[in-house]
PDB file of N, CA and C in Angstrom:
ATOM      1  N   MET A   1      82.255 112.575  78.931  1.00  0.00           N
ATOM      2  CA  MET A   1      83.575 111.760  79.070  1.00  0.00           C
ATOM      3  C   MET A   1      83.391 110.914  80.201  1.00  0.00           C
ATOM      4  N   THR A   2      84.008 109.371  79.891  1.00  0.00           N
ATOM      5  CA  THR A   2      84.194 109.400  81.207  1.00  0.00           C
ATOM      6  C   THR A   2      85.822 108.540  81.590  1.00  0.00           C
ATOM      7  N   THR A   3      86.354 108.822  82.412  1.00  0.00           N
ATOM      8  CA  THR A   3      88.101 108.442  82.943  1.00  0.00           C
ATOM      9  C   THR A   3      88.175 107.294  83.874  1.00  0.00           C
ATOM     10  N   GLU A   4      87.785 106.226  82.716  1.00  0.00           N
ATOM     11  CA  GLU A   4      87.938 104.755  83.546  1.00  0.00           C
ATOM     12  C   GLU A   4      89.592 104.384  83.801  1.00  0.00           C
ATOM     13  N   LYS A   5      90.012 104.414  85.312  1.00  0.00           N
ATOM     14  CA  LYS A   5      91.174 103.814  85.315  1.00  0.00           C
ATOM     15  C   LYS A   5      91.554 102.251  84.713  1.00  0.00           C
ATOM     16  N   LYS A   6      92.249 101.881  83.872  1.00  0.00           N
ATOM     17  CA  LYS A   6      92.921 100.900  83.467  1.00  0.00           C
ATOM     18  C   LYS A   6      93.160 100.239  84.502  1.00  0.00           C
ATOM     19  N   LYS A   7      92.795  98.323  84.647  1.00  0.00           N
ATOM     20  CA  LYS A   7      93.203  97.680  85.602  1.00  0.00           C
ATOM     21  C   LYS A   7      94.650  97.327  85.762  1.00  0.00           C
ATOM     22  N   GLN A   8      95.573  97.307  86.073  1.00  0.00           N
ATOM     23  CA  GLN A   8      96.940  96.932  85.995  1.00  0.00           C
ATOM     24  C   GLN A   8      97.176  95.684  86.773  1.00  0.00           C
ATOM     25  N   LEU A   9      98.161  95.008  86.221  1.00  0.00           N
ATOM     26  CA  LEU A   9      98.666  93.395  86.436  1.00  0.00           C
ATOM     27  C   LEU A   9      99.567  94.218  87.967  1.00  0.00           C
ATOM     28  N   ARG A  10      99.518  93.541  88.968  1.00  0.00           N
ATOM     29  CA  ARG A  10     100.287  93.743  90.298  1.00  0.00           C
ATOM     30  C   ARG A  10     100.636  92.488  91.400  1.00  0.00           C
ATOM     31  N   THR A  11     101.780  92.545  91.360  1.00  0.00           N
ATOM     32  CA  THR A  11     102.124  91.183  92.109  1.00  0.00           C
ATOM     33  C   THR A  11     102.870  91.856  93.697  1.00  0.00           C
ATOM     34  N   CYS A  12     102.697  91.276  94.298  1.00  0.00           N
ATOM     35  CA  CYS A  12     103.023  91.247  95.474  1.00  0.00           C
ATOM     36  C   CYS A  12     104.123  90.779  96.503  1.00  0.00           C
ATOM     37  N   LEU A  13     103.939  91.350  97.176  1.00  0.00           N
ATOM     38  CA  LEU A  13     105.630  90.465  98.087  1.00  0.00           C
ATOM     39  C   LEU A  13     105.393  89.171  98.044  1.00  0.00           C
ATOM     40  N   LYS A  14     104.069  88.672  98.118  1.00  0.00           N
ATOM     41  CA  LYS A  14     104.090  86.992  98.524  1.00  0.00           C
ATOM     42  C   LYS A  14     104.181  86.867  97.033  1.00  0.00           C
ATOM     43  N   GLY A  15     104.291  87.251  95.877  1.00  0.00           N
ATOM     44  CA  GLY A  15     104.359  86.732  94.453  1.00  0.00           C
ATOM     45  C   GLY A  15     102.605  86.271  93.837  1.00  0.00           C
ATOM     46  N   HIS A  16     101.902  86.965  94.390  1.00  0.00           N
ATOM     47  CA  HIS A  16      99.925  86.976  93.956  1.00  0.00           C
ATOM     48  C   HIS A  16      99.769  87.766  93.381  1.00  0.00           C
ATOM     49  N   GLN A  17      99.491  87.524  91.801  1.00  0.00           N
ATOM     50  CA  GLN A  17      99.606  88.070  90.555  1.00  0.00           C
ATOM     51  C   GLN A  17      97.720  88.365  90.622  1.00  0.00           C
ATOM     52  N   TYR A  18      97.477  90.075  90.865  1.00  0.00           N
ATOM     53  CA  TYR A  18      96.047  90.379  90.756  1.00  0.00           C
ATOM     54  C   TYR A  18      96.024  91.641  89.660  1.00  0.00           C
ATOM     55  N   TYR A  19      95.017  91.830  89.277  1.00  0.00           N
ATOM     56  CA  TYR A  19      95.108  93.194  88.492  1.00  0.00           C
ATOM     57  C   TYR A  19      94.130  94.168  89.754  1.00  0.00           C
ATOM     58  N   LYS A  20      94.307  95.746  89.959  1.00  0.00           N
ATOM     59  CA  LYS A  20      93.308  96.767  90.545  1.00  0.00           C
ATOM     60  C   LYS A  20      93.841  97.838  89.375  1.00  0.00           C
ATOM     61  N   SER A  21      92.995  98.709  89.439  1.00  0.00           N
ATOM     62  CA  SER A  21      92.706  99.972  89.291  1.00  0.00           C
ATOM     63  C   SER A  21      92.822 101.236  89.715  1.00  0.00           C
ATOM     64  N   SER A  22      92.987 100.524  91.545  1.00  0.00           N
ATOM     65  CA  SER A  22      93.416 101.983  91.992  1.00  0.00           C
ATOM     66  C   SER A  22      94.805 101.777  92.549  1.00  0.00           C
ATOM     67  N   ASP A  23      94.788 102.764  93.297  1.00  0.00           N
ATOM     68  CA  ASP A  23      96.149 103.024  94.098  1.00  0.00           C
ATOM     69  C   ASP A  23      96.102 102.087  95.265  1.00  0.00           C
ATOM     70  N   CYS A  24      95.494 101.564  95.939  1.00  0.00           N
ATOM     71  CA  CYS A  24      95.584 100.893  97.057  1.00  0.00           C
ATOM     72  C   CYS A  24      96.194 100.140  96.294  1.00  0.00           C
ATOM     73  N   PRO A  25      97.491  99.835  97.622  1.00  0.00           N
ATOM     74  CA  PRO A  25      98.432  98.651  97.262  1.00  0.00           C
ATOM     75  C   PRO A  25      97.950  97.160  98.080  1.00  0.00           C
ATOM     76  N   THR A  26      96.990  96.793  98.525  1.00  0.00           N
ATOM     77  CA  THR A  26      96.397  95.645  99.367  1.00  0.00           C
ATOM     78  C   THR A  26      95.942  94.506  98.526  1.00  0.00           C
ATOM     79  N   CYS A  27      96.389  93.500  98.527  1.00  0.00           N
ATOM     80  CA  CYS A  27      96.593  92.384  97.856  1.00  0.00           C
ATOM     81  C   CYS A  27      95.323  91.562  97.981  1.00  0.00           C
ATOM     82  N   PRO A  28      93.887  91.516  96.984  1.00  0.00           N
ATOM     83  CA  PRO A  28      93.352  90.753  97.554  1.00  0.00           C
ATOM     84  C   PRO A  28      93.058  89.403  98.395  1.00  0.00           C
ATOM     85  N   ILE A  29      94.384  88.745  97.718  1.00  0.00           N
ATOM     86  CA  ILE A  29      94.644  87.696  97.715  1.00  0.00           C
ATOM     87  C   ILE A  29      95.575  87.176  99.515  1.00  0.00           C
ATOM     88  N   CYS A  30      96.177  88.426  99.551  1.00  0.00           N
ATOM     89  CA  CYS A  30      96.614  88.262 100.820  1.00  0.00           C
ATOM     90  C   CYS A  30      95.504  88.419 101.628  1.00  0.00           C
ATOM     91  N   GLU A  31      94.890  89.917 101.695  1.00  0.00           N
ATOM     92  CA  GLU A  31      93.443  90.421 102.636  1.00  0.00           C
ATOM     93  C   GLU A  31      92.495  88.521 102.738  1.00  0.00           C
ATOM     94  N   ALA A  32      92.346  87.918 101.708  1.00  0.00           N
ATOM     95  CA  ALA A  32      91.132  86.948 102.056  1.00  0.00           C
ATOM     96  C   ALA A  32      92.244  85.982 102.641  1.00  0.00           C
ATOM     97  N   ASP A  33      93.413  85.591 102.798  1.00  0.00           N
ATOM     98  CA  ASP A  33      93.686  84.678 103.591  1.00  0.00           C
ATOM     99  C   ASP A  33      93.536  85.037 104.877  1.00  0.00           C
ATOM    100  N   ARG A  34      94.127  86.626 105.371  1.00  0.00           N
ATOM    101  CA  ARG A  34      93.799  86.628 106.592  1.00  0.00           C
ATOM    102  C   ARG A  34      92.561  87.258 107.134  1.00  0.00           C
ATOM    103  N   LYS A  35      91.633  87.101 106.597  1.00  0.00           N
ATOM    104  CA  LYS A  35      90.456  87.754 106.957  1.00  0.00           C
ATOM    105  C   LYS A  35      89.807  86.378 107.889  1.00  0.00           C
ATOM    106  N   PRO A  36      89.839  86.917 109.423  1.00  0.00           N
ATOM    107  CA  PRO A  36      89.592  85.587 110.416  1.00  0.00           C
ATOM    108  C   PRO A  36      87.894  85.130 110.020  1.00  0.00           C
ATOM    109  N   THR A  37      87.479  84.267 110.647  1.00  0.00           N
ATOM    110  CA  THR A  37      86.490  83.255 110.310  1.00  0.00           C
ATOM    111  C   THR A  37      86.040  82.968 111.513  1.00  0.00           C
ATOM    112  N   THR A  38      85.895  83.857 112.864  1.00  0.00           N
ATOM    113  CA  THR A  38      85.346  84.084 113.667  1.00  0.00           C
ATOM    114  C   THR A  38      85.550  85.506 114.185  1.00  0.00           C
ATOM    115  N   GLY A  39      84.698  85.346 115.605  1.00  0.00           N
ATOM    116  CA  GLY A  39      83.900  86.553 115.885  1.00  0.00           C
ATOM    117  C   GLY A  39      83.472  88.114 114.761  1.00  0.00           C
ATOM    118  N   PHE A  40      83.394  88.981 115.325  1.00  0.00           N
ATOM    119  CA  PHE A  40      82.852  90.651 114.861  1.00  0.00           C
ATOM    120  C   PHE A  40      83.918  90.998 113.751  1.00  0.00           C
ATOM    121  N   LEU A  41      84.975  90.556 113.689  1.00  0.00           N
ATOM    122  CA  LEU A  41      85.822  90.984 112.318  1.00  0.00           C
ATOM    123  C   LEU A  41      85.683  89.857 111.355  1.00  0.00           C
ATOM    124  N   SER A  42      84.956  89.342 111.686  1.00  0.00           N
ATOM    125  CA  SER A  42      84.823  88.349 109.723  1.00  0.00           C
ATOM    126  C   SER A  42      83.572  88.637 109.588  1.00  0.00           C
ATOM    127  N   LEU A  43      83.513  89.270 110.017  1.00  0.00           N
ATOM    128  CA  LEU A  43      81.415  89.761 109.689  1.00  0.00           C
ATOM    129  C   LEU A  43      81.285  91.026 108.959  1.00  0.00           C
ATOM    130  N   ILE A  44      82.411  91.705 108.732  1.00  0.00           N
ATOM    131  CA  ILE A  44      82.666  93.441 107.805  1.00  0.00           C
ATOM    132  C   ILE A  44      83.404  93.236 107.013  1.00  0.00           C
ATOM    133  N   SER A  45      82.997  94.582 106.252  1.00  0.00           N
ATOM    134  CA  SER A  45      84.781  94.826 105.376  1.00  0.00           C
ATOM    135  C   SER A  45      86.450  94.359 105.601  1.00  0.00           C
ATOM    136  N   ALA A  46      86.663  93.823 104.253  1.00  0.00           N
ATOM    137  CA  ALA A  46      88.533  94.323 104.766  1.00  0.00           C
ATOM    138  C   ALA A  46      89.039  95.810 104.864  1.00  0.00           C
ATOM    139  N   PRO A  47      88.284  96.927 104.451  1.00  0.00           N
ATOM    140  CA  PRO A  47      88.834  98.170 104.817  1.00  0.00           C
ATOM    141  C   PRO A  47      88.422  98.555 106.579  1.00  0.00           C
ATOM    142  N   ALA A  48      87.316  98.306 105.914  1.00  0.00           N
ATOM    143  CA  ALA A  48      86.896  98.125 108.040  1.00  0.00           C
ATOM    144  C   ALA A  48      87.419  97.957 108.985  1.00  0.00           C
ATOM    145  N   ARG A  49      87.537  96.212 108.833  1.00  0.00           N
ATOM    146  CA  ARG A  49      88.894  95.570 109.547  1.00  0.00           C
ATOM    147  C   ARG A  49      89.813  96.289 108.986  1.00  0.00           C
ATOM    148  N   ARG A  50      90.538  96.779 108.048  1.00  0.00           N
ATOM    149  CA  ARG A  50      91.977  97.710 108.480  1.00  0.00           C
ATOM    150  C   ARG A  50      91.885  98.517 109.358  1.00  0.00           C
ATOM    151  N   ALA A  51      90.513  99.394 109.364  1.00  0.00           N
ATOM    152  CA  ALA A  51      90.765 100.499 110.075  1.00  0.00           C
ATOM    153  C   ALA A  51      90.732 100.416 111.515  1.00  0.00           C
ATOM    154  N   LEU A  52      89.789  99.584 111.880  1.00  0.00           N
ATOM    155  CA  LEU A  52      89.986  99.258 113.457  1.00  0.00           C
ATOM    156  C   LEU A  52      91.037  98.207 113.832  1.00  0.00           C
ATOM    157  N   GLU A  53      92.123  97.582 113.031  1.00  0.00           N
ATOM    158  CA  GLU A  53      92.994  97.045 113.654  1.00  0.00           C
ATOM    159  C   GLU A  53      94.355  98.542 113.696  1.00  0.00           C
ATOM    160  N   ARG A  54      94.189  99.631 113.196  1.00  0.00           N
ATOM    161  CA  ARG A  54      94.961 100.235 112.991  1.00  0.00           C
ATOM    162  C   ARG A  54      94.793 100.973 114.175  1.00  0.00           C
ATOM    163  N   LYS A  55      93.900 100.933 114.622  1.00  0.00           N
ATOM    164  CA  LYS A  55      93.439 101.550 115.859  1.00  0.00           C
ATOM    165  C   LYS A  55      93.869 100.852 117.243  1.00  0.00           C
ATOM    166  N   GLU A  56      93.862  99.435 117.308  1.00  0.00           N
ATOM    167  CA  GLU A  56      94.380  98.267 117.677  1.00  0.00           C
ATOM    168  C   GLU A  56      92.999  97.967 118.362  1.00  0.00           C
ATOM    169  N   ILE A  57      92.254  97.867 118.094  1.00  0.00           N
ATOM    170  CA  ILE A  57      91.339  97.277 118.428  1.00  0.00           C
ATOM    171  C   ILE A  57      90.088  95.868 117.409  1.00  0.00           C
ATOM    172  N   SER A  58      90.656  94.530 118.057  1.00  0.00           N
ATOM    173  CA  SER A  58      90.572  93.878 118.140  1.00  0.00           C
ATOM    174  C   SER A  58      89.650  92.794 119.135  1.00  0.00           C
ATOM    175  N   SER A  59      88.847  93.074 120.071  1.00  0.00           N
ATOM    176  CA  SER A  59      87.806  92.516 120.696  1.00  0.00           C
ATOM    177  C   SER A  59      86.598  93.873 121.199  1.00  0.00           C
ATOM    178  N   LEU A  60      85.682  92.779 120.911  1.00  0.00           N
ATOM    179  CA  LEU A  60      84.375  93.899 121.739  1.00  0.00           C
ATOM    180  C   LEU A  60      84.568  94.908 122.471  1.00  0.00           C
ATOM    181  N   LYS A  61      85.018  94.258 123.949  1.00  0.00           N
ATOM    182  CA  LYS A  61      85.188  95.334 124.709  1.00  0.00           C
ATOM    183  C   LYS A  61      86.570  96.700 124.678  1.00  0.00           C
ATOM    184  N   GLN A  62      87.518  96.535 123.533  1.00  0.00           N
ATOM    185  CA  GLN A  62      87.912  97.527 123.467  1.00  0.00           C
ATOM    186  C   GLN A  62      87.208  98.554 121.881  1.00  0.00           C
ATOM    187  N   LEU A  63      86.350  97.908 121.368  1.00  0.00           N
ATOM    188  CA  LEU A  63      85.069  98.487 120.794  1.00  0.00           C
ATOM    189  C   LEU A  63      84.460  99.300 121.201  1.00  0.00           C
ATOM    190  N   SER A  64      84.026  98.683 122.534  1.00  0.00           N
ATOM    191  CA  SER A  64      82.581  99.325 123.407  1.00  0.00           C
ATOM    192  C   SER A  64      83.800 100.782 124.270  1.00  0.00           C
ATOM    193  N   GLU A  65      85.253 100.948 123.335  1.00  0.00           N
ATOM    194  CA  GLU A  65      85.503 102.445 124.708  1.00  0.00           C
ATOM    195  C   GLU A  65      85.749 103.450 124.050  1.00  0.00           C
ATOM    196  N   TYR A  66      84.991 103.169 122.743  1.00  0.00           N
ATOM    197  CA  TYR A  66      84.679 104.000 121.414  1.00  0.00           C
ATOM    198  C   TYR A  66      83.808 104.888 121.292  1.00  0.00           C
ATOM    199  N   THR A  67      83.099 106.002 120.981  1.00  0.00           N
ATOM    200  CA  THR A  67      81.631 106.482 120.590  1.00  0.00           C
ATOM    201  C   THR A  67      81.627 106.212 119.045  1.00  0.00           C
ATOM    202  N   GLU A  68      80.395 106.093 118.890  1.00  0.00           N
ATOM    203  CA  GLU A  68      79.804 105.159 117.753  1.00  0.00           C
ATOM    204  C   GLU A  68      80.392 106.595 116.902  1.00  0.00           C
ATOM    205  N   ILE A  69      80.612 108.378 116.824  1.00  0.00           N
ATOM    206  CA  ILE A  69      81.246 109.493 115.779  1.00  0.00           C
ATOM    207  C   ILE A  69      82.771 108.985 115.248  1.00  0.00           C
ATOM    208  N   GLU A  70      83.342 107.606 116.653  1.00  0.00           N
ATOM    209  CA  GLU A  70      85.012 107.911 116.795  1.00  0.00           C
ATOM    210  C   GLU A  70      84.877 106.943 115.700  1.00  0.00           C
ATOM    211  N   ILE A  71      84.730 106.012 116.015  1.00  0.00           N
ATOM    212  CA  ILE A  71      84.243 105.174 115.473  1.00  0.00           C
ATOM    213  C   ILE A  71      83.740 105.198 113.451  1.00  0.00           C
ATOM    214  N   SER A  72      82.576 105.739 113.443  1.00  0.00           N
ATOM    215  CA  SER A  72      82.388 105.973 112.008  1.00  0.00           C
ATOM    216  C   SER A  72      82.763 107.334 110.931  1.00  0.00           C
ATOM    217  N   SER A  73      83.899 107.735 111.848  1.00  0.00           N
ATOM    218  CA  SER A  73      84.137 108.767 111.765  1.00  0.00           C
ATOM    219  C   SER A  73      86.007 108.195 110.710  1.00  0.00           C
ATOM    220  N   LEU A  74      85.644 106.635 111.168  1.00  0.00           N
ATOM    221  CA  LEU A  74      87.471 105.665 110.688  1.00  0.00           C
ATOM    222  C   LEU A  74      87.382 105.407 108.869  1.00  0.00           C
ATOM    223  N   HIS A  75      88.292 105.774 107.942  1.00  0.00           N
ATOM    224  CA  HIS A  75      88.349 105.362 106.573  1.00  0.00           C
ATOM    225  C   HIS A  75      88.243 104.303 106.339  1.00  0.00           C
ATOM    226  N   GLY A  76      86.981 103.347 105.557  1.00  0.00           N
ATOM    227  CA  GLY A  76      86.154 102.091 105.832  1.00  0.00           C
ATOM    228  C   GLY A  76      85.428 101.901 106.402  1.00  0.00           C
ATOM    229  N   ILE A  77      84.682 102.715 107.470  1.00  0.00           N
ATOM    230  CA  ILE A  77      83.043 102.561 108.437  1.00  0.00           C
ATOM    231  C   ILE A  77      82.225 103.799 107.923  1.00  0.00           C
ATOM    232  N   GLY A  78      81.340 102.448 107.337  1.00  0.00           N
ATOM    233  CA  GLY A  78      79.825 103.033 106.958  1.00  0.00           C
ATOM    234  C   GLY A  78      79.080 102.700 107.897  1.00  0.00           C
ATOM    235  N   PRO A  79      77.358 102.870 107.378  1.00  0.00           N
ATOM    236  CA  PRO A  79      76.517 102.814 108.258  1.00  0.00           C
ATOM    237  C   PRO A  79      75.978 101.580 107.978  1.00  0.00           C
ATOM    238  N   LYS A  80      76.201 100.281 107.173  1.00  0.00           N
ATOM    239  CA  LYS A  80      75.749  98.994 107.339  1.00  0.00           C
ATOM    240  C   LYS A  80      77.289  98.453 108.466  1.00  0.00           C
ATOM    241  N   VAL A  81      78.350  99.008 108.358  1.00  0.00           N
ATOM    242  CA  VAL A  81      79.614  98.002 109.667  1.00  0.00           C
ATOM    243  C   VAL A  81      79.180  98.925 110.938  1.00  0.00           C
ATOM    244  N   ILE A  82      78.262 100.073 111.381  1.00  0.00           N
ATOM    245  CA  ILE A  82      78.049 100.215 112.209  1.00  0.00           C
ATOM    246  C   ILE A  82      76.757  99.762 113.333  1.00  0.00           C
ATOM    247  N   SER A  83      76.541  99.258 112.013  1.00  0.00           N
ATOM    248  CA  SER A  83      74.712  98.878 112.402  1.00  0.00           C
ATOM    249  C   SER A  83      75.544  97.062 112.247  1.00  0.00           C
ATOM    250  N   ILE A  84      76.442  97.096 111.872  1.00  0.00           N
ATOM    251  CA  ILE A  84      77.062  95.073 112.539  1.00  0.00           C
ATOM    252  C   ILE A  84      77.598  94.960 113.791  1.00  0.00           C
ATOM    253  N   LEU A  85      78.346  96.705 113.697  1.00  0.00           N
ATOM    254  CA  LEU A  85      78.849  96.515 114.922  1.00  0.00           C
ATOM    255  C   LEU A  85      78.569  96.837 116.342  1.00  0.00           C
ATOM    256  N   LYS A  86      77.192  97.800 116.193  1.00  0.00           N
ATOM    257  CA  LYS A  86      75.820  97.790 117.312  1.00  0.00           C
ATOM    258  C   LYS A  86      75.922  96.424 117.962  1.00  0.00           C
ATOM    259  N   GLU A  87      75.476  95.374 116.619  1.00  0.00           N
ATOM    260  CA  GLU A  87      74.565  94.266 116.404  1.00  0.00           C
ATOM    261  C   GLU A  87      75.210  93.493 117.407  1.00  0.00           C
ATOM    262  N   ALA A  88      76.571  93.552 117.198  1.00  0.00           N
ATOM    263  CA  ALA A  88      77.777  92.437 117.632  1.00  0.00           C
ATOM    264  C   ALA A  88      77.803  93.267 119.255  1.00  0.00           C
ATOM    265  N   LEU A  89      78.006  94.244 119.260  1.00  0.00           N
ATOM    266  CA  LEU A  89      78.248  94.503 120.719  1.00  0.00           C
ATOM    267  C   LEU A  89      76.994  94.223 121.678  1.00  0.00           C
ATOM    268  N   ILE A  90      75.773  94.549 121.304  1.00  0.00           N
ATOM    269  CA  ILE A  90      74.133  94.387 121.706  1.00  0.00           C
ATOM    270  C   ILE A  90      74.620  92.916 122.212  1.00  0.00           C
ATOM    271  N   GLU A  91      74.868  91.775 120.877  1.00  0.00           N
ATOM    272  CA  GLU A  91      74.610  90.747 121.664  1.00  0.00           C
ATOM    273  C   GLU A  91      75.621  90.032 122.737  1.00  0.00           C
ATOM    274  N   ASN A  92      76.730  90.962 122.732  1.00  0.00           N
ATOM    275  CA  ASN A  92      77.651  90.432 123.848  1.00  0.00           C
ATOM    276  C   ASN A  92      77.506  91.647 125.118  1.00  0.00           C
ATOM    277  N   ASN A  93      76.169  92.524 125.256  1.00  0.00           N
ATOM    278  CA  ASN A  93      76.032  93.036 126.419  1.00  0.00           C
ATOM    279  C   ASN A  93      76.904  94.217 126.574  1.00  0.00           C
ATOM    280  N   LEU A  94      77.502  95.109 125.553  1.00  0.00           N
ATOM    281  CA  LEU A  94      78.586  95.846 125.190  1.00  0.00           C
ATOM    282  C   LEU A  94      77.835  96.827 124.572  1.00  0.00           C
ATOM    283  N   HIS A  95      77.678  98.614 124.774  1.00  0.00           N
ATOM    284  CA  HIS A  95      77.757  99.216 123.846  1.00  0.00           C
ATOM    285  C   HIS A  95      78.663 100.228 123.283  1.00  0.00           C
ATOM    286  N   PHE A  96      78.443 101.103 122.554  1.00  0.00           N
ATOM    287  CA  PHE A  96      79.546 102.295 122.199  1.00  0.00           C
ATOM    288  C   PHE A  96      79.976 103.280 123.524  1.00  0.00           C
ATOM    289  N   LYS A  97      80.766 103.588 123.910  1.00  0.00           N
ATOM    290  CA  LYS A  97      80.669 104.496 124.744  1.00  0.00           C
ATOM    291  C   LYS A  97      79.739 106.330 124.596  1.00  0.00           C
ATOM    292  N   THR A  98      79.183 106.075 125.428  1.00  0.00           N
ATOM    293  CA  THR A  98      78.278 107.365 124.957  1.00  0.00           C
ATOM    294  C   THR A  98      79.292 108.931 125.916  1.00  0.00           C
ATOM    295  N   ASN A  99      79.013 110.120 125.344  1.00  0.00           N
ATOM    296  CA  ASN A  99      79.724 111.097 125.363  1.00  0.00           C
ATOM    297  C   ASN A  99      79.633 111.197 126.860  1.00  0.00           C
TER     298      ASN A  99
END
């Protein structure tokens, strides 16, 4: 027996209406509107971007002050995002902090 959650119509604080089956309160329309168009944060998914924002990481220099393990442990950061972040760091002559 599968237990699929039914999508519910929701309205965000800005008045956007959207359907979502998860408990996540994030409005996909608002999230798309605030996605950066340049820089390394524009290359990663919204959950990964929010995880870095919660740690107040908005630049590659700030990112380089963390180890790969620290960043990997954040919710929303998986192997694909780590590879994107590593590539962005290398392109800017930076790297994750070593232990």
